[in-house]
Amino acid sequence: MIVIPDTSALVELIKGTEKGNAVLKILNESELVVVPTLVLAELSSFLERNGIDSGIIETIADMSLVVPLDREIAINAGKLHAKIRKNDKNKHVSLADCIISETGRTYGALVVTTDHHFRLLGDAIIIED
């Protein structure tokens, strides 16, 4: 199984929560962990805002296949975002999450997340409370 951890999943992992333990188990059992550069940026922001040592980003990057946002993913994510946001109930779905979801599709990966709105975006493993 190929997985992409969403930023929310990595935050739980870093915090050492029960959800984080579930994320770690999934990552350890995966054949490949793909991390979009966007997730590294979001995670870096979280760590900086919360005064947490950012060295963990290097560890995550070293243990994963880090992939950039390319033209095809960007265009498809924009289309997905527009489609999802046409429904007023889905105004909270971010372009960043659409990029992560489209990256998952491109690499044949499941997104590992704690965000329930990924049900709207595609294949995901949602870590419940």
Protein backbone atom coordinates (compact mmCIF):
# COMPACT_ATOMS: atom_id res chain seq x y z
CA MET A 1 0.00 0.00 0.00
CA ILE A 2 1.22 3.49 -0.90
CA VAL A 3 0.16 6.31 1.43
CA ILE A 4 0.34 10.07 1.67
CA PRO A 5 0.14 11.48 5.18
CA ASP A 6 -1.86 14.68 5.28
CA THR A 7 -0.49 17.45 7.51
CA SER A 8 -3.17 16.74 10.11
CA ALA A 9 -1.96 13.14 10.41
CA LEU A 10 1.66 14.20 10.80
CA VAL A 11 0.71 16.75 13.47
CA GLU A 12 -1.02 13.99 15.46
CA LEU A 13 2.06 11.80 15.03
CA ILE A 14 4.37 14.55 16.30
CA LYS A 15 2.06 15.26 19.25
CA GLY A 16 2.14 11.56 20.18
CA THR A 17 -1.65 11.22 20.41
CA GLU A 18 -3.68 8.04 19.97
CA LYS A 19 -4.47 9.18 16.45
CA GLY A 20 -0.76 9.72 15.95
CA ASN A 21 -0.07 6.15 17.03
CA ALA A 22 -2.61 4.94 14.48
CA VAL A 23 -0.88 7.05 11.80
CA LEU A 24 2.51 5.60 12.75
CA LYS A 25 1.18 2.06 12.45
CA ILE A 26 -0.17 2.76 8.96
CA LEU A 27 3.06 4.43 7.85
CA ASN A 28 5.16 1.55 9.19
CA GLU A 29 3.01 -1.01 7.37
CA SER A 30 3.10 0.86 4.04
CA GLU A 31 5.35 -0.12 1.18
CA LEU A 32 5.90 3.54 0.27
CA VAL A 33 5.19 6.87 1.96
CA VAL A 34 4.81 9.80 -0.43
CA VAL A 35 5.01 13.33 0.99
CA PRO A 36 4.04 16.30 -1.17
CA THR A 37 6.24 19.38 -0.74
CA LEU A 38 3.04 21.22 0.20
CA VAL A 39 2.69 19.00 3.28
CA LEU A 40 6.28 19.82 4.28
CA ALA A 41 5.47 23.54 3.99
CA GLU A 42 2.30 23.23 6.07
CA LEU A 43 4.11 21.14 8.67
CA SER A 44 6.99 23.61 8.82
CA SER A 45 4.51 26.40 9.50
CA PHE A 46 2.83 24.40 12.27
CA LEU A 47 6.13 23.59 13.96
CA GLU A 48 7.37 27.18 13.78
CA ARG A 49 4.12 28.61 15.15
CA ASN A 50 4.19 26.15 18.05
CA GLY A 51 7.88 26.42 18.93
CA ILE A 52 8.57 22.77 18.05
CA ASP A 53 11.98 21.76 16.70
CA SER A 54 11.70 21.61 12.92
CA GLY A 55 14.34 18.86 12.67
CA ILE A 56 11.50 16.34 12.49
CA ILE A 57 10.79 17.57 8.94
CA GLU A 58 14.18 16.26 7.78
CA THR A 59 13.43 12.88 9.35
CA ILE A 60 10.06 12.69 7.63
CA ALA A 61 11.57 13.76 4.30
CA ASP A 62 14.43 11.26 4.58
CA MET A 63 12.02 8.39 5.23
CA SER A 64 9.66 9.29 2.37
CA LEU A 65 9.47 9.97 -1.31
CA VAL A 66 9.10 13.75 -1.40
CA VAL A 67 7.25 14.90 -4.52
CA PRO A 68 6.78 18.41 -5.92
CA LEU A 69 3.60 19.97 -7.18
CA ASP A 70 3.69 19.47 -10.93
CA ARG A 71 1.60 20.93 -13.73
CA GLU A 72 -0.85 18.03 -14.05
CA ILE A 73 -1.51 17.77 -10.32
CA ALA A 74 -1.95 21.56 -10.05
CA ILE A 75 -4.47 21.74 -12.90
CA ASN A 76 -6.45 18.71 -11.73
CA ALA A 77 -6.47 19.96 -8.14
CA GLY A 78 -7.82 23.31 -9.28
CA LYS A 79 -10.61 21.61 -11.22
CA LEU A 80 -11.44 19.38 -8.23
CA HIS A 81 -11.47 22.40 -5.90
CA ALA A 82 -13.85 24.29 -8.19
CA LYS A 83 -16.15 21.27 -8.51
CA ILE A 84 -16.25 20.62 -4.76
CA ARG A 85 -16.71 24.28 -3.82
CA LYS A 86 -19.73 24.73 -6.10
CA ASN A 87 -21.75 23.13 -3.30
CA ASP A 88 -22.19 25.67 -0.49
CA LYS A 89 -21.81 22.92 2.12
CA ASN A 90 -18.25 22.28 0.91
CA LYS A 91 -16.85 25.83 1.22
CA HIS A 92 -14.41 24.65 3.92
CA VAL A 93 -12.50 22.31 1.56
CA SER A 94 -9.13 23.93 0.86
CA LEU A 95 -7.16 24.02 -2.36
CA ALA A 96 -4.24 22.52 -0.38
CA ASP A 97 -6.33 19.45 0.46
CA CYS A 98 -7.33 19.10 -3.18
CA ILE A 99 -3.63 19.20 -4.14
CA ILE A 100 -2.87 16.46 -1.60
CA SER A 101 -5.79 14.38 -2.89
CA GLU A 102 -4.72 14.76 -6.53
CA THR A 103 -1.15 13.85 -5.58
CA GLY A 104 -2.59 10.68 -4.08
CA ARG A 105 -4.41 9.87 -7.31
CA THR A 106 -1.28 10.48 -9.36
CA TYR A 107 0.82 8.13 -7.23
CA GLY A 108 -1.90 5.55 -6.57
CA ALA A 109 -1.79 6.38 -2.87
CA LEU A 110 -4.31 6.56 -0.06
CA VAL A 111 -4.31 9.80 1.91
CA VAL A 112 -3.93 9.24 5.67
CA THR A 113 -5.74 12.05 7.47
CA THR A 114 -7.83 13.14 10.42
CA ASP A 115 -9.86 15.51 8.22
CA HIS A 116 -13.32 14.11 7.53
CA HIS A 117 -13.87 16.20 4.41
CA PHE A 118 -11.38 13.98 2.57
CA ARG A 119 -14.40 11.71 2.05
CA LEU A 120 -15.39 14.20 -0.64
CA LEU A 121 -11.98 14.18 -2.29
CA GLY A 122 -11.08 10.58 -2.97
CA ASP A 123 -9.39 7.55 -1.48
CA ALA A 124 -8.43 8.18 2.12
CA ILE A 125 -7.89 6.48 5.43
CA ILE A 126 -9.57 8.74 7.95
CA ILE A 127 -8.32 8.34 11.49
CA GLU A 128 -11.39 8.70 13.69
CA ASP A 129 -11.61 9.93 17.28
